Amino acid sequence: MSHANAALTPRARLRLARLIVVEQWPVAAAAEMFMVDPSTARKWAHRYRAEGPAGMADRSSRPHRQPTRTSLV
């Protein structure tokens, strides 16, 4: 399940990434077809190359660490 602000569902991301990687569509053309920014399309294509279909899942936007976090002590 995608979060409310996601431009595409994981299934649509996979279709977009496959168009770019497998079908060798230009990034701009695929991005226009899916109504996303070319940088977003490039990101999904990169994740598809690196991780395959599993890379299309939503990821947390929460920071991995907080170096300036105030101590509770």
Foldseek 3Di string as FASTA:
>chain_A
DDDPPDLDALVLLLVLLCCCPVVVDPLVVSCVVSVHDSVVSVVSVVQCVVPNSVSSHDDDPDDPDDPPDDDPD
